[in-house]
Full PDB file with SEQRES, HELIX, SHEET, SSBOND, CRYST1, ORIGX, SCALE, CONECT and MASTER records, all heavy atoms in Angstrom:
SEQRES   1 A   38  THR GLY GLY PRO PHE ASP ARG ALA ILE GLU LYS GLY ASN          
SEQRES   2 A   38  LYS ALA ILE LYS LEU HIS SER ILE GLN THR LYS PRO THR          
SEQRES   3 A   38  ARG LYS PRO GLY TRP ARG ASN ASN PRO LYS LEU VAL              
HELIX    1 AA1 ASP A    6  HIS A   19  1                                  14    
HELIX    2 AA2 TRP A   31  ASN A   33  5                                   3    
CRYST1    1.000    1.000    1.000  90.00  90.00  90.00 P 1           1          
ORIGX1      1.000000  0.000000  0.000000        0.00000                         
ORIGX2      0.000000  1.000000  0.000000        0.00000                         
ORIGX3      0.000000  0.000000  1.000000        0.00000                         
SCALE1      1.000000  0.000000  0.000000        0.00000                         
SCALE2      0.000000  1.000000  0.000000        0.00000                         
SCALE3      0.000000  0.000000  1.000000        0.00000                         
ATOM      1  N   THR A   1     -16.697  -2.273  20.383  1.00  0.00           N  
ATOM      2  CA  THR A   1     -16.616  -2.051  18.952  1.00  0.00           C  
ATOM      3  C   THR A   1     -17.060  -3.290  18.193  1.00  0.00           C  
ATOM      4  O   THR A   1     -17.095  -4.385  18.728  1.00  0.00           O  
ATOM      5  CB  THR A   1     -15.176  -1.677  18.512  1.00  0.00           C  
ATOM      6  OG1 THR A   1     -14.301  -2.761  18.886  1.00  0.00           O  
ATOM      7  CG2 THR A   1     -14.730  -0.401  19.191  1.00  0.00           C  
ATOM      8  N   GLY A   2     -17.363  -3.110  16.922  1.00  0.00           N  
ATOM      9  CA  GLY A   2     -17.755  -4.255  16.086  1.00  0.00           C  
ATOM     10  C   GLY A   2     -19.197  -4.178  15.704  1.00  0.00           C  
ATOM     11  O   GLY A   2     -19.990  -3.362  16.192  1.00  0.00           O  
ATOM     12  N   GLY A   3     -19.565  -5.055  14.766  1.00  0.00           N  
ATOM     13  CA  GLY A   3     -20.956  -5.096  14.271  1.00  0.00           C  
ATOM     14  C   GLY A   3     -21.038  -5.852  12.951  1.00  0.00           C  
ATOM     15  O   GLY A   3     -20.167  -6.643  12.613  1.00  0.00           O  
ATOM     16  N   PRO A   4     -22.096  -5.599  12.170  1.00  0.00           N  
ATOM     17  CA  PRO A   4     -22.338  -6.367  10.953  1.00  0.00           C  
ATOM     18  C   PRO A   4     -21.309  -6.183   9.857  1.00  0.00           C  
ATOM     19  O   PRO A   4     -21.269  -6.962   8.909  1.00  0.00           O  
ATOM     20  CB  PRO A   4     -23.720  -5.847  10.504  1.00  0.00           C  
ATOM     21  CG  PRO A   4     -23.875  -4.526  11.157  1.00  0.00           C  
ATOM     22  CD  PRO A   4     -23.165  -4.620  12.463  1.00  0.00           C  
ATOM     23  N   PHE A   5     -20.458  -5.178   9.991  1.00  0.00           N  
ATOM     24  CA  PHE A   5     -19.426  -4.921   8.960  1.00  0.00           C  
ATOM     25  C   PHE A   5     -18.077  -5.541   9.325  1.00  0.00           C  
ATOM     26  O   PHE A   5     -17.069  -5.269   8.657  1.00  0.00           O  
ATOM     27  CB  PHE A   5     -19.292  -3.432   8.699  1.00  0.00           C  
ATOM     28  CG  PHE A   5     -20.532  -2.840   8.070  1.00  0.00           C  
ATOM     29  CD1 PHE A   5     -21.581  -2.410   8.853  1.00  0.00           C  
ATOM     30  CD2 PHE A   5     -20.623  -2.701   6.684  1.00  0.00           C  
ATOM     31  CE1 PHE A   5     -22.734  -1.887   8.299  1.00  0.00           C  
ATOM     32  CE2 PHE A   5     -21.757  -2.151   6.106  1.00  0.00           C  
ATOM     33  CZ  PHE A   5     -22.826  -1.742   6.919  1.00  0.00           C  
ATOM     34  N   ASP A   6     -18.051  -6.375  10.372  1.00  0.00           N  
ATOM     35  CA  ASP A   6     -16.781  -6.942  10.799  1.00  0.00           C  
ATOM     36  C   ASP A   6     -16.099  -7.801   9.749  1.00  0.00           C  
ATOM     37  O   ASP A   6     -14.867  -7.820   9.654  1.00  0.00           O  
ATOM     38  CB  ASP A   6     -16.991  -7.785  12.069  1.00  0.00           C  
ATOM     39  CG  ASP A   6     -17.177  -6.948  13.311  1.00  0.00           C  
ATOM     40  OD1 ASP A   6     -17.032  -5.712  13.233  1.00  0.00           O  
ATOM     41  OD2 ASP A   6     -17.489  -7.512  14.385  1.00  0.00           O  
ATOM     42  N   ARG A   7     -16.864  -8.547   8.982  1.00  0.00           N  
ATOM     43  CA  ARG A   7     -16.265  -9.400   7.946  1.00  0.00           C  
ATOM     44  C   ARG A   7     -15.556  -8.569   6.904  1.00  0.00           C  
ATOM     45  O   ARG A   7     -14.443  -8.898   6.446  1.00  0.00           O  
ATOM     46  CB  ARG A   7     -17.312 -10.319   7.296  1.00  0.00           C  
ATOM     47  CG  ARG A   7     -16.752 -11.217   6.187  1.00  0.00           C  
ATOM     48  CD  ARG A   7     -17.757 -12.233   5.719  1.00  0.00           C  
ATOM     49  NE  ARG A   7     -17.298 -12.975   4.543  1.00  0.00           N  
ATOM     50  CZ  ARG A   7     -16.412 -13.954   4.565  1.00  0.00           C  
ATOM     51  NH1 ARG A   7     -15.902 -14.336   5.738  1.00  0.00           N  
ATOM     52  NH2 ARG A   7     -16.073 -14.571   3.471  1.00  0.00           N  
ATOM     53  N   ALA A   8     -16.188  -7.471   6.500  1.00  0.00           N  
ATOM     54  CA  ALA A   8     -15.555  -6.565   5.484  1.00  0.00           C  
ATOM     55  C   ALA A   8     -14.272  -5.989   6.061  1.00  0.00           C  
ATOM     56  O   ALA A   8     -13.233  -5.913   5.380  1.00  0.00           O  
ATOM     57  CB  ALA A   8     -16.518  -5.479   5.103  1.00  0.00           C  
ATOM     58  N   ILE A   9     -14.284  -5.581   7.340  1.00  0.00           N  
ATOM     59  CA  ILE A   9     -13.107  -5.040   7.986  1.00  0.00           C  
ATOM     60  C   ILE A   9     -12.002  -6.094   8.039  1.00  0.00           C  
ATOM     61  O   ILE A   9     -10.833  -5.828   7.764  1.00  0.00           O  
ATOM     62  CB  ILE A   9     -13.454  -4.541   9.399  1.00  0.00           C  
ATOM     63  CG1 ILE A   9     -14.421  -3.383   9.320  1.00  0.00           C  
ATOM     64  CG2 ILE A   9     -12.187  -4.129  10.159  1.00  0.00           C  
ATOM     65  CD1 ILE A   9     -15.032  -2.982  10.659  1.00  0.00           C  
ATOM     66  N   GLU A  10     -12.392  -7.323   8.419  1.00  0.00           N  
ATOM     67  CA  GLU A  10     -11.416  -8.396   8.528  1.00  0.00           C  
ATOM     68  C   GLU A  10     -10.750  -8.675   7.166  1.00  0.00           C  
ATOM     69  O   GLU A  10      -9.520  -8.848   7.083  1.00  0.00           O  
ATOM     70  CB  GLU A  10     -12.136  -9.667   8.993  1.00  0.00           C  
ATOM     71  CG  GLU A  10     -11.266 -10.908   9.020  1.00  0.00           C  
ATOM     72  CD  GLU A  10     -12.054 -12.194   9.279  1.00  0.00           C  
ATOM     73  OE1 GLU A  10     -13.252 -12.095   9.621  1.00  0.00           O  
ATOM     74  OE2 GLU A  10     -11.454 -13.268   9.138  1.00  0.00           O  
ATOM     75  N   LYS A  11     -11.549  -8.684   6.107  1.00  0.00           N  
ATOM     76  CA  LYS A  11     -10.980  -8.963   4.782  1.00  0.00           C  
ATOM     77  C   LYS A  11     -10.075  -7.839   4.325  1.00  0.00           C  
ATOM     78  O   LYS A  11      -9.012  -8.057   3.722  1.00  0.00           O  
ATOM     79  CB  LYS A  11     -12.105  -9.149   3.775  1.00  0.00           C  
ATOM     80  CG  LYS A  11     -12.910 -10.436   3.964  1.00  0.00           C  
ATOM     81  CD  LYS A  11     -12.072 -11.658   3.735  1.00  0.00           C  
ATOM     82  CE  LYS A  11     -12.881 -12.948   3.855  1.00  0.00           C  
ATOM     83  NZ  LYS A  11     -12.022 -14.163   3.655  1.00  0.00           N  
ATOM     84  N   GLY A  12     -10.484  -6.582   4.614  1.00  0.00           N  
ATOM     85  CA  GLY A  12      -9.611  -5.461   4.259  1.00  0.00           C  
ATOM     86  C   GLY A  12      -8.287  -5.512   4.963  1.00  0.00           C  
ATOM     87  O   GLY A  12      -7.224  -5.316   4.366  1.00  0.00           O  
ATOM     88  N   ASN A  13      -8.323  -5.789   6.266  1.00  0.00           N  
ATOM     89  CA  ASN A  13      -7.092  -5.876   7.041  1.00  0.00           C  
ATOM     90  C   ASN A  13      -6.214  -7.031   6.574  1.00  0.00           C  
ATOM     91  O   ASN A  13      -4.977  -6.933   6.557  1.00  0.00           O  
ATOM     92  CB  ASN A  13      -7.419  -6.050   8.516  1.00  0.00           C  
ATOM     93  CG  ASN A  13      -7.793  -4.740   9.183  1.00  0.00           C  
ATOM     94  OD1 ASN A  13      -7.272  -3.670   8.851  1.00  0.00           O  
ATOM     95  ND2 ASN A  13      -8.707  -4.780  10.142  1.00  0.00           N  
ATOM     96  N   LYS A  14      -6.840  -8.134   6.189  1.00  0.00           N  
ATOM     97  CA  LYS A  14      -6.089  -9.300   5.708  1.00  0.00           C  
ATOM     98  C   LYS A  14      -5.358  -8.960   4.437  1.00  0.00           C  
ATOM     99  O   LYS A  14      -4.179  -9.320   4.268  1.00  0.00           O  
ATOM    100  CB  LYS A  14      -7.039 -10.491   5.502  1.00  0.00           C  
ATOM    101  CG  LYS A  14      -6.313 -11.743   5.021  1.00  0.00           C  
ATOM    102  CD  LYS A  14      -7.292 -12.902   4.875  1.00  0.00           C  
ATOM    103  CE  LYS A  14      -6.574 -14.168   4.380  1.00  0.00           C  
ATOM    104  NZ  LYS A  14      -7.535 -15.302   4.188  1.00  0.00           N  
ATOM    105  N   ALA A  15      -6.047  -8.288   3.513  1.00  0.00           N  
ATOM    106  CA  ALA A  15      -5.390  -7.911   2.237  1.00  0.00           C  
ATOM    107  C   ALA A  15      -4.201  -6.996   2.499  1.00  0.00           C  
ATOM    108  O   ALA A  15      -3.144  -7.132   1.881  1.00  0.00           O  
ATOM    109  CB  ALA A  15      -6.419  -7.246   1.332  1.00  0.00           C  
ATOM    110  N   ILE A  16      -4.362  -6.049   3.408  1.00  0.00           N  
ATOM    111  CA  ILE A  16      -3.294  -5.113   3.736  1.00  0.00           C  
ATOM    112  C   ILE A  16      -2.100  -5.854   4.320  1.00  0.00           C  
ATOM    113  O   ILE A  16      -0.936  -5.629   3.975  1.00  0.00           O  
ATOM    114  CB  ILE A  16      -3.792  -4.019   4.708  1.00  0.00           C  
ATOM    115  CG1 ILE A  16      -4.815  -3.132   3.977  1.00  0.00           C  
ATOM    116  CG2 ILE A  16      -2.644  -3.178   5.230  1.00  0.00           C  
ATOM    117  CD1 ILE A  16      -5.673  -2.282   4.904  1.00  0.00           C  
ATOM    118  N   LYS A  17      -2.392  -6.779   5.271  1.00  0.00           N  
ATOM    119  CA  LYS A  17      -1.355  -7.506   5.958  1.00  0.00           C  
ATOM    120  C   LYS A  17      -0.554  -8.405   4.963  1.00  0.00           C  
ATOM    121  O   LYS A  17       0.679  -8.482   5.054  1.00  0.00           O  
ATOM    122  CB  LYS A  17      -1.927  -8.371   7.073  1.00  0.00           C  
ATOM    123  CG  LYS A  17      -0.936  -9.187   7.848  1.00  0.00           C  
ATOM    124  CD  LYS A  17      -1.577  -9.982   8.943  1.00  0.00           C  
ATOM    125  CE  LYS A  17      -0.545 -10.808   9.733  1.00  0.00           C  
ATOM    126  NZ  LYS A  17      -1.206 -11.585  10.828  1.00  0.00           N  
ATOM    127  N   LEU A  18      -1.263  -9.064   4.085  1.00  0.00           N  
ATOM    128  CA  LEU A  18      -0.588 -10.027   3.195  1.00  0.00           C  
ATOM    129  C   LEU A  18      -0.003  -9.421   1.932  1.00  0.00           C  
ATOM    130  O   LEU A  18       0.936  -9.968   1.369  1.00  0.00           O  
ATOM    131  CB  LEU A  18      -1.605 -11.127   2.788  1.00  0.00           C  
ATOM    132  CG  LEU A  18      -2.113 -12.028   3.903  1.00  0.00           C  
ATOM    133  CD1 LEU A  18      -3.091 -13.030   3.336  1.00  0.00           C  
ATOM    134  CD2 LEU A  18      -0.961 -12.752   4.603  1.00  0.00           C  
ATOM    135  N   HIS A  19      -0.539  -8.257   1.495  1.00  0.00           N  
ATOM    136  CA  HIS A  19      -0.171  -7.786   0.159  1.00  0.00           C  
ATOM    137  C   HIS A  19       0.335  -6.335   0.095  1.00  0.00           C  
ATOM    138  O   HIS A  19       0.450  -5.769  -0.984  1.00  0.00           O  
ATOM    139  CB  HIS A  19      -1.368  -7.959  -0.762  1.00  0.00           C  
ATOM    140  CG  HIS A  19      -1.787  -9.398  -0.933  1.00  0.00           C  
ATOM    141  ND1 HIS A  19      -1.008 -10.316  -1.553  1.00  0.00           N  
ATOM    142  CD2 HIS A  19      -2.915 -10.037  -0.485  1.00  0.00           C  
ATOM    143  CE1 HIS A  19      -1.632 -11.492  -1.512  1.00  0.00           C  
ATOM    144  NE2 HIS A  19      -2.784 -11.367  -0.879  1.00  0.00           N  
ATOM    145  N   SER A  20       0.647  -5.780   1.248  1.00  0.00           N  
ATOM    146  CA  SER A  20       1.236  -4.424   1.248  1.00  0.00           C  
ATOM    147  C   SER A  20       2.667  -4.477   0.724  1.00  0.00           C  
ATOM    148  O   SER A  20       3.482  -5.315   1.155  1.00  0.00           O  
ATOM    149  CB  SER A  20       1.224  -3.850   2.659  1.00  0.00           C  
ATOM    150  OG  SER A  20       1.875  -2.608   2.695  1.00  0.00           O  
ATOM    151  N   ILE A  21       2.998  -3.614  -0.214  1.00  0.00           N  
ATOM    152  CA  ILE A  21       4.337  -3.508  -0.767  1.00  0.00           C  
ATOM    153  C   ILE A  21       4.891  -2.105  -0.405  1.00  0.00           C  
ATOM    154  O   ILE A  21       4.444  -1.106  -0.959  1.00  0.00           O  
ATOM    155  CB  ILE A  21       4.361  -3.660  -2.306  1.00  0.00           C  
ATOM    156  CG1 ILE A  21       3.816  -5.034  -2.702  1.00  0.00           C  
ATOM    157  CG2 ILE A  21       5.790  -3.487  -2.841  1.00  0.00           C  
ATOM    158  CD1 ILE A  21       3.710  -5.235  -4.194  1.00  0.00           C  
ATOM    159  N   GLN A  22       5.824  -2.052   0.548  1.00  0.00           N  
ATOM    160  CA  GLN A  22       6.392  -0.780   0.977  1.00  0.00           C  
ATOM    161  C   GLN A  22       7.871  -0.676   0.631  1.00  0.00           C  
ATOM    162  O   GLN A  22       8.475   0.363   0.874  1.00  0.00           O  
ATOM    163  CB  GLN A  22       6.125  -0.584   2.478  1.00  0.00           C  
ATOM    164  CG  GLN A  22       4.643  -0.544   2.800  1.00  0.00           C  
ATOM    165  CD  GLN A  22       4.355  -0.058   4.213  1.00  0.00           C  
ATOM    166  OE1 GLN A  22       5.095   0.715   4.781  1.00  0.00           O  
ATOM    167  NE2 GLN A  22       3.273  -0.592   4.778  1.00  0.00           N  
ATOM    168  N   THR A  23       8.419  -1.741   0.047  1.00  0.00           N  
ATOM    169  CA  THR A  23       9.804  -1.678  -0.457  1.00  0.00           C  
ATOM    170  C   THR A  23       9.860  -0.701  -1.618  1.00  0.00           C  
ATOM    171  O   THR A  23       9.032  -0.759  -2.520  1.00  0.00           O  
ATOM    172  CB  THR A  23      10.280  -3.064  -0.889  1.00  0.00           C  
ATOM    173  OG1 THR A  23      10.170  -3.974   0.199  1.00  0.00           O  
ATOM    174  CG2 THR A  23      11.711  -3.038  -1.392  1.00  0.00           C  
ATOM    175  N   LYS A  24      10.892   0.177  -1.629  1.00  0.00           N  
ATOM    176  CA  LYS A  24      11.003   1.130  -2.726  1.00  0.00           C  
ATOM    177  C   LYS A  24      11.480   0.431  -3.992  1.00  0.00           C  
ATOM    178  O   LYS A  24      12.322  -0.457  -3.950  1.00  0.00           O  
ATOM    179  CB  LYS A  24      12.029   2.240  -2.364  1.00  0.00           C  
ATOM    180  CG  LYS A  24      11.638   3.035  -1.136  1.00  0.00           C  
ATOM    181  CD  LYS A  24      10.384   3.842  -1.344  1.00  0.00           C  
ATOM    182  CE  LYS A  24      10.076   4.706  -0.124  1.00  0.00           C  
ATOM    183  NZ  LYS A  24       8.816   5.493  -0.305  1.00  0.00           N  
ATOM    184  N   PRO A  25      10.916   0.824  -5.150  1.00  0.00           N  
ATOM    185  CA  PRO A  25      11.371   0.232  -6.407  1.00  0.00           C  
ATOM    186  C   PRO A  25      12.749   0.805  -6.799  1.00  0.00           C  
ATOM    187  O   PRO A  25      13.211   1.813  -6.234  1.00  0.00           O  
ATOM    188  CB  PRO A  25      10.306   0.686  -7.404  1.00  0.00           C  
ATOM    189  CG  PRO A  25       9.823   1.984  -6.835  1.00  0.00           C  
ATOM    190  CD  PRO A  25       9.882   1.839  -5.324  1.00  0.00           C  
ATOM    191  N   THR A  26      13.372   0.176  -7.754  1.00  0.00           N  
ATOM    192  CA  THR A  26      14.683   0.676  -8.247  1.00  0.00           C  
ATOM    193  C   THR A  26      14.457   2.038  -8.916  1.00  0.00           C  
ATOM    194  O   THR A  26      13.582   2.196  -9.765  1.00  0.00           O  
ATOM    195  CB  THR A  26      15.252  -0.313  -9.283  1.00  0.00           C  
ATOM    196  OG1 THR A  26      15.415  -1.589  -8.676  1.00  0.00           O  
ATOM    197  CG2 THR A  26      16.593   0.198  -9.785  1.00  0.00           C  
ATOM    198  N   ARG A  27      15.251   2.995  -8.482  1.00  0.00           N  
ATOM    199  CA  ARG A  27      15.060   4.361  -8.998  1.00  0.00           C  
ATOM    200  C   ARG A  27      15.716   4.519 -10.381  1.00  0.00           C  
ATOM    201  O   ARG A  27      16.794   4.026 -10.627  1.00  0.00           O  
ATOM    202  CB  ARG A  27      15.665   5.372  -8.020  1.00  0.00           C  
ATOM    203  CG  ARG A  27      14.861   5.502  -6.725  1.00  0.00           C  
ATOM    204  CD  ARG A  27      15.596   6.385  -5.707  1.00  0.00           C  
ATOM    205  NE  ARG A  27      14.738   6.701  -4.554  1.00  0.00           N  
ATOM    206  CZ  ARG A  27      14.507   5.889  -3.547  1.00  0.00           C  
ATOM    207  NH1 ARG A  27      15.068   4.693  -3.534  1.00  0.00           N  
ATOM    208  NH2 ARG A  27      13.749   6.263  -2.553  1.00  0.00           N  
ATOM    209  N   LYS A  28      15.002   5.264 -11.217  1.00  0.00           N  
ATOM    210  CA  LYS A  28      15.515   5.502 -12.561  1.00  0.00           C  
ATOM    211  C   LYS A  28      16.537   6.637 -12.558  1.00  0.00           C  
ATOM    212  O   LYS A  28      16.419   7.548 -11.722  1.00  0.00           O  
ATOM    213  CB  LYS A  28      14.357   5.845 -13.498  1.00  0.00           C  
ATOM    214  CG  LYS A  28      13.349   4.728 -13.663  1.00  0.00           C  
ATOM    215  CD  LYS A  28      12.227   5.167 -14.607  1.00  0.00           C  
ATOM    216  CE  LYS A  28      11.200   4.039 -14.781  1.00  0.00           C  
ATOM    217  NZ  LYS A  28      10.097   4.412 -15.728  1.00  0.00           N  
ATOM    218  N   PRO A  29      17.472   6.620 -13.455  1.00  0.00           N  
ATOM    219  CA  PRO A  29      18.460   7.718 -13.511  1.00  0.00           C  
ATOM    220  C   PRO A  29      17.768   9.043 -13.747  1.00  0.00           C  
ATOM    221  O   PRO A  29      16.826   9.169 -14.539  1.00  0.00           O  
ATOM    222  CB  PRO A  29      19.328   7.327 -14.742  1.00  0.00           C  
ATOM    223  CG  PRO A  29      19.177   5.843 -14.850  1.00  0.00           C  
ATOM    224  CD  PRO A  29      17.774   5.552 -14.434  1.00  0.00           C  
ATOM    225  N   GLY A  30      18.226  10.071 -13.019  1.00  0.00           N  
ATOM    226  CA  GLY A  30      17.651  11.423 -13.196  1.00  0.00           C  
ATOM    227  C   GLY A  30      16.313  11.611 -12.538  1.00  0.00           C  
ATOM    228  O   GLY A  30      15.638  12.632 -12.819  1.00  0.00           O  
ATOM    229  N   TRP A  31      15.893  10.724 -11.672  1.00  0.00           N  
ATOM    230  CA  TRP A  31      14.562  10.782 -11.091  1.00  0.00           C  
ATOM    231  C   TRP A  31      14.369  12.050 -10.267  1.00  0.00           C  
ATOM    232  O   TRP A  31      13.238  12.559 -10.142  1.00  0.00           O  
ATOM    233  CB  TRP A  31      14.290   9.560 -10.260  1.00  0.00           C  
ATOM    234  CG  TRP A  31      15.156   9.427  -9.022  1.00  0.00           C  
ATOM    235  CD1 TRP A  31      16.356   8.827  -8.931  1.00  0.00           C  
ATOM    236  CD2 TRP A  31      14.840   9.881  -7.712  1.00  0.00           C  
ATOM    237  NE1 TRP A  31      16.870   8.866  -7.657  1.00  0.00           N  
ATOM    238  CE2 TRP A  31      15.942   9.522  -6.887  1.00  0.00           C  
ATOM    239  CE3 TRP A  31      13.758  10.565  -7.128  1.00  0.00           C  
ATOM    240  CZ2 TRP A  31      15.985   9.849  -5.532  1.00  0.00           C  
ATOM    241  CZ3 TRP A  31      13.792  10.851  -5.795  1.00  0.00           C  
ATOM    242  CH2 TRP A  31      14.914  10.517  -4.981  1.00  0.00           C  
ATOM    243  N   ARG A  32      15.412  12.588  -9.674  1.00  0.00           N  
ATOM    244  CA  ARG A  32      15.282  13.760  -8.840  1.00  0.00           C  
ATOM    245  C   ARG A  32      14.825  14.980  -9.627  1.00  0.00           C  
ATOM    246  O   ARG A  32      14.327  15.962  -9.052  1.00  0.00           O  
ATOM    247  CB  ARG A  32      16.597  14.069  -8.139  1.00  0.00           C  
ATOM    248  CG  ARG A  32      17.001  13.026  -7.105  1.00  0.00           C  
ATOM    249  CD  ARG A  32      18.239  13.444  -6.333  1.00  0.00           C  
ATOM    250  NE  ARG A  32      18.694  12.409  -5.424  1.00  0.00           N  
ATOM    251  CZ  ARG A  32      18.197  12.214  -4.206  1.00  0.00           C  
ATOM    252  NH1 ARG A  32      17.216  12.980  -3.768  1.00  0.00           N  
ATOM    253  NH2 ARG A  32      18.696  11.246  -3.446  1.00  0.00           N  
ATOM    254  N   ASN A  33      15.036  14.975 -10.922  1.00  0.00           N  
ATOM    255  CA  ASN A  33      14.641  16.117 -11.769  1.00  0.00           C  
ATOM    256  C   ASN A  33      13.260  15.951 -12.358  1.00  0.00           C  
ATOM    257  O   ASN A  33      12.803  16.781 -13.130  1.00  0.00           O  
ATOM    258  CB  ASN A  33      15.646  16.302 -12.906  1.00  0.00           C  
ATOM    259  CG  ASN A  33      17.050  16.584 -12.390  1.00  0.00           C  
ATOM    260  OD1 ASN A  33      17.209  17.334 -11.427  1.00  0.00           O  
ATOM    261  ND2 ASN A  33      18.054  15.991 -13.003  1.00  0.00           N  
ATOM    262  N   ASN A  34      12.583  14.889 -11.976  1.00  0.00           N  
ATOM    263  CA  ASN A  34      11.213  14.609 -12.504  1.00  0.00           C  
ATOM    264  C   ASN A  34      10.247  14.625 -11.341  1.00  0.00           C  
ATOM    265  O   ASN A  34      10.220  13.681 -10.540  1.00  0.00           O  
ATOM    266  CB  ASN A  34      11.206  13.227 -13.205  1.00  0.00           C  
ATOM    267  CG  ASN A  34       9.896  12.944 -13.907  1.00  0.00           C  
ATOM    268  OD1 ASN A  34       8.820  13.358 -13.440  1.00  0.00           O  
ATOM    269  ND2 ASN A  34       9.974  12.266 -15.047  1.00  0.00           N  
ATOM    270  N   PRO A  35       9.398  15.671 -11.198  1.00  0.00           N  
ATOM    271  CA  PRO A  35       8.494  15.761 -10.073  1.00  0.00           C  
ATOM    272  C   PRO A  35       7.563  14.569  -9.920  1.00  0.00           C  
ATOM    273  O   PRO A  35       7.247  14.154  -8.786  1.00  0.00           O  
ATOM    274  CB  PRO A  35       7.659  17.041 -10.385  1.00  0.00           C  
ATOM    275  CG  PRO A  35       8.577  17.865 -11.235  1.00  0.00           C  
ATOM    276  CD  PRO A  35       9.327  16.857 -12.078  1.00  0.00           C  
ATOM    277  N   LYS A  36       7.113  13.989 -11.031  1.00  0.00           N  
ATOM    278  CA  LYS A  36       6.231  12.830 -10.952  1.00  0.00           C  
ATOM    279  C   LYS A  36       6.957  11.618 -10.353  1.00  0.00           C  
ATOM    280  O   LYS A  36       6.379  10.891  -9.549  1.00  0.00           O  
ATOM    281  CB  LYS A  36       5.692  12.507 -12.339  1.00  0.00           C  
ATOM    282  CG  LYS A  36       4.680  13.487 -12.861  1.00  0.00           C  
ATOM    283  CD  LYS A  36       4.088  13.011 -14.183  1.00  0.00           C  
ATOM    284  CE  LYS A  36       3.031  13.993 -14.689  1.00  0.00           C  
ATOM    285  NZ  LYS A  36       2.424  13.566 -15.990  1.00  0.00           N  
ATOM    286  N   LEU A  37       8.219  11.422 -10.758  1.00  0.00           N  
ATOM    287  CA  LEU A  37       8.970  10.326 -10.201  1.00  0.00           C  
ATOM    288  C   LEU A  37       9.323  10.572  -8.707  1.00  0.00           C  
ATOM    289  O   LEU A  37       9.317   9.631  -7.920  1.00  0.00           O  
ATOM    290  CB  LEU A  37      10.257  10.114 -11.000  1.00  0.00           C  
ATOM    291  CG  LEU A  37      10.118   9.451 -12.383  1.00  0.00           C  
ATOM    292  CD1 LEU A  37      11.463   9.355 -13.077  1.00  0.00           C  
ATOM    293  CD2 LEU A  37       9.468   8.076 -12.231  1.00  0.00           C  
ATOM    294  N   VAL A  38       9.605  11.812  -8.367  1.00  0.00           N  
ATOM    295  CA  VAL A  38       9.879  12.140  -6.961  1.00  0.00           C  
ATOM    296  C   VAL A  38       8.668  11.770  -6.103  1.00  0.00           C  
ATOM    297  O   VAL A  38       8.804  11.124  -5.056  1.00  0.00           O  
ATOM    298  CB  VAL A  38      10.209  13.625  -6.793  1.00  0.00           C  
ATOM    299  CG1 VAL A  38      10.266  13.987  -5.302  1.00  0.00           C  
ATOM    300  CG2 VAL A  38      11.561  13.940  -7.458  1.00  0.00           C  
TER     301      VAL A  38                                                      
MASTER        0    0    0    2    0    0    0    6  300    1    0    3          
END                                                                             
């Protein structure tokens, strides 16, 4: 695997590794009744 696009792949993976936010935000009251918030 690999080729001329390796640098782009490397940068994309680096951004994901360093800047992924998967912690849930503080939920607003009544969020369960709001489909967009759900």
